Amino acid sequence: MWNFSRLAPAAAFGQTERKNKNMGYSQGLYEREVIIRFSDADSEANLYTASPVWIRKFDKLVAEHPENFREVKKETYQGKVIAKDYTFPKRFLSVRTKDIKRNLTDEQRKEISDQMKTMRAKRKTDSMP
């Protein structure tokens, strides 16, 4: 069993609670956790998160790939979503063993930069009413 009472308060590390405009209440950095669970017996993994960033990421995956990603549970507080549980195929999990560093030429960098500029401009015009 974990004993969290010995952890230093977030304020001791300069990490004060922040009000999340989407969640409607203050949540400390230690409370915005992401937990991934799986076992050898199952083919699916479970992800629990109280992190708004991960909630947005997985909501997008659920919308784009409902055959693989499912929202299982939603926790709310005063009508606002504060945490969610998701399931997805365990085969989608991977762990990197090192940082990948690309050695690009100036020409390759410019080509990638131009592609990103084009993509951002297209996204901007697509989102306009």
Protein backbone atom coordinates (compact mmCIF):
# COMPACT_ATOMS: atom_id res chain seq x y z
CA MET A 1 0.00 0.00 0.00
CA TRP A 2 1.32 3.44 -0.93
CA ASN A 3 1.82 5.99 1.84
CA PHE A 4 1.32 9.39 0.26
CA SER A 5 1.29 11.24 3.60
CA ARG A 6 5.10 11.36 3.53
CA LEU A 7 5.22 13.21 0.22
CA ALA A 8 6.15 16.85 0.47
CA PRO A 9 3.34 19.23 -0.41
CA ALA A 10 3.39 20.47 -3.98
CA ALA A 11 3.93 24.05 -2.77
CA ALA A 12 7.29 22.98 -1.30
CA PHE A 13 8.51 22.44 -4.85
CA GLY A 14 7.00 25.65 -6.16
CA GLN A 15 4.15 23.63 -7.65
CA THR A 16 1.04 25.27 -6.32
CA GLU A 17 -2.46 24.20 -7.19
CA ARG A 18 -3.70 25.59 -10.45
CA LYS A 19 -7.24 26.34 -11.44
CA ASN A 20 -8.07 24.47 -14.61
CA LYS A 21 -10.59 26.47 -16.61
CA ASN A 22 -11.97 23.31 -18.24
CA MET A 23 -12.31 21.35 -15.03
CA GLY A 24 -13.77 24.13 -12.85
CA TYR A 25 -11.78 23.52 -9.70
CA SER A 26 -8.21 23.58 -8.41
CA GLN A 27 -6.16 20.46 -8.87
CA GLY A 28 -2.59 20.00 -7.65
CA LEU A 29 0.13 18.70 -9.91
CA TYR A 30 0.30 15.43 -7.95
CA GLU A 31 -3.42 14.91 -8.49
CA ARG A 32 -3.13 15.14 -12.28
CA GLU A 33 -1.87 11.62 -12.69
CA VAL A 34 -1.84 9.11 -15.52
CA ILE A 35 -1.94 5.42 -14.63
CA ILE A 36 -1.63 2.65 -17.24
CA ARG A 37 -2.58 -0.87 -16.13
CA PHE A 38 -2.39 -4.19 -17.94
CA SER A 39 -1.68 -7.82 -17.21
CA ASP A 40 -0.31 -10.77 -19.12
CA ALA A 41 -3.76 -12.37 -19.06
CA ASP A 42 -5.52 -9.51 -20.89
CA SER A 43 -5.20 -8.20 -24.42
CA GLU A 44 -6.34 -4.71 -23.39
CA ALA A 45 -4.71 -2.00 -21.32
CA ASN A 46 -6.52 0.49 -19.10
CA LEU A 47 -5.54 4.13 -18.77
CA TYR A 48 -6.85 6.26 -15.90
CA THR A 49 -6.08 9.96 -16.02
CA ALA A 50 -6.95 13.15 -14.19
CA SER A 51 -4.68 15.14 -16.51
CA PRO A 52 -6.57 17.46 -18.88
CA VAL A 53 -3.84 16.99 -21.51
CA TRP A 54 -4.24 13.19 -21.52
CA ILE A 55 -8.03 13.44 -21.39
CA ARG A 56 -7.95 15.54 -24.58
CA LYS A 57 -5.49 13.13 -26.25
CA PHE A 58 -7.59 10.06 -25.47
CA ASP A 59 -10.92 11.74 -26.27
CA LYS A 60 -9.47 12.47 -29.71
CA LEU A 61 -8.36 8.82 -30.09
CA VAL A 62 -11.82 7.62 -29.03
CA ALA A 63 -13.44 9.90 -31.62
CA GLU A 64 -11.05 8.94 -34.43
CA HIS A 65 -10.66 5.21 -33.66
CA PRO A 66 -13.73 3.95 -31.75
CA GLU A 67 -12.97 0.38 -32.79
CA ASN A 68 -9.77 0.43 -30.68
CA PHE A 69 -10.21 3.13 -28.00
CA ARG A 70 -13.14 3.26 -25.57
CA GLU A 71 -14.05 5.55 -22.72
CA VAL A 72 -15.03 3.30 -19.82
CA LYS A 73 -15.75 5.68 -16.97
CA LYS A 74 -16.05 9.40 -16.38
CA GLU A 75 -15.62 11.03 -12.97
CA THR A 76 -17.28 14.38 -12.41
CA TYR A 77 -17.25 17.03 -9.69
CA GLN A 78 -19.91 19.74 -9.66
CA GLY A 79 -20.87 18.76 -13.20
CA LYS A 80 -17.31 19.05 -14.56
CA VAL A 81 -15.19 16.13 -15.78
CA ILE A 82 -12.21 15.60 -13.47
CA ALA A 83 -10.96 12.16 -14.59
CA LYS A 84 -11.59 9.41 -17.14
CA ASP A 85 -10.84 5.73 -17.68
CA TYR A 86 -10.11 4.35 -21.14
CA THR A 87 -9.33 0.93 -22.60
CA PHE A 88 -7.29 0.17 -25.70
CA PRO A 89 -5.32 -2.76 -27.16
CA LYS A 90 -2.24 -3.57 -25.14
CA ARG A 91 -0.26 -3.99 -28.38
CA PHE A 92 -0.36 -0.18 -28.79
CA LEU A 93 1.94 0.29 -25.78
CA SER A 94 5.66 0.72 -26.28
CA VAL A 95 8.61 1.98 -24.31
CA ARG A 96 11.46 3.87 -25.89
CA THR A 97 14.94 2.83 -24.89
CA LYS A 98 16.61 6.06 -25.96
CA ASP A 99 15.87 9.48 -27.34
CA ILE A 100 15.82 9.60 -31.10
CA LYS A 101 18.00 12.31 -32.55
CA ARG A 102 17.68 13.08 -36.23
CA ASN A 103 20.62 14.30 -38.24
CA LEU A 104 19.00 16.45 -40.90
CA THR A 105 20.58 18.55 -43.58
CA ASP A 106 19.57 22.21 -43.91
CA GLU A 107 17.60 21.27 -47.02
CA GLN A 108 15.66 18.56 -45.13
CA ARG A 109 14.93 20.99 -42.26
CA LYS A 110 13.57 23.57 -44.72
CA GLU A 111 11.40 20.94 -46.44
CA ILE A 112 9.92 19.81 -43.10
CA SER A 113 9.40 23.44 -42.07
CA ASP A 114 7.56 24.20 -45.32
CA GLN A 115 5.36 21.12 -44.86
CA MET A 116 4.45 22.22 -41.33
CA LYS A 117 3.64 25.76 -42.49
CA THR A 118 1.37 24.40 -45.22
CA MET A 119 -0.34 22.03 -42.78
CA ARG A 120 -0.93 24.80 -40.19
CA ALA A 121 -2.29 27.17 -42.84
CA LYS A 122 -4.66 24.46 -44.10
CA ARG A 123 -5.84 23.68 -40.56
CA LYS A 124 -6.43 27.39 -39.92
CA THR A 125 -8.54 27.82 -43.07
CA ASP A 126 -10.44 24.55 -42.39
CA SER A 127 -11.41 25.71 -38.89
CA MET A 128 -12.80 29.06 -40.04
CA PRO A 129 -16.61 29.25 -40.18
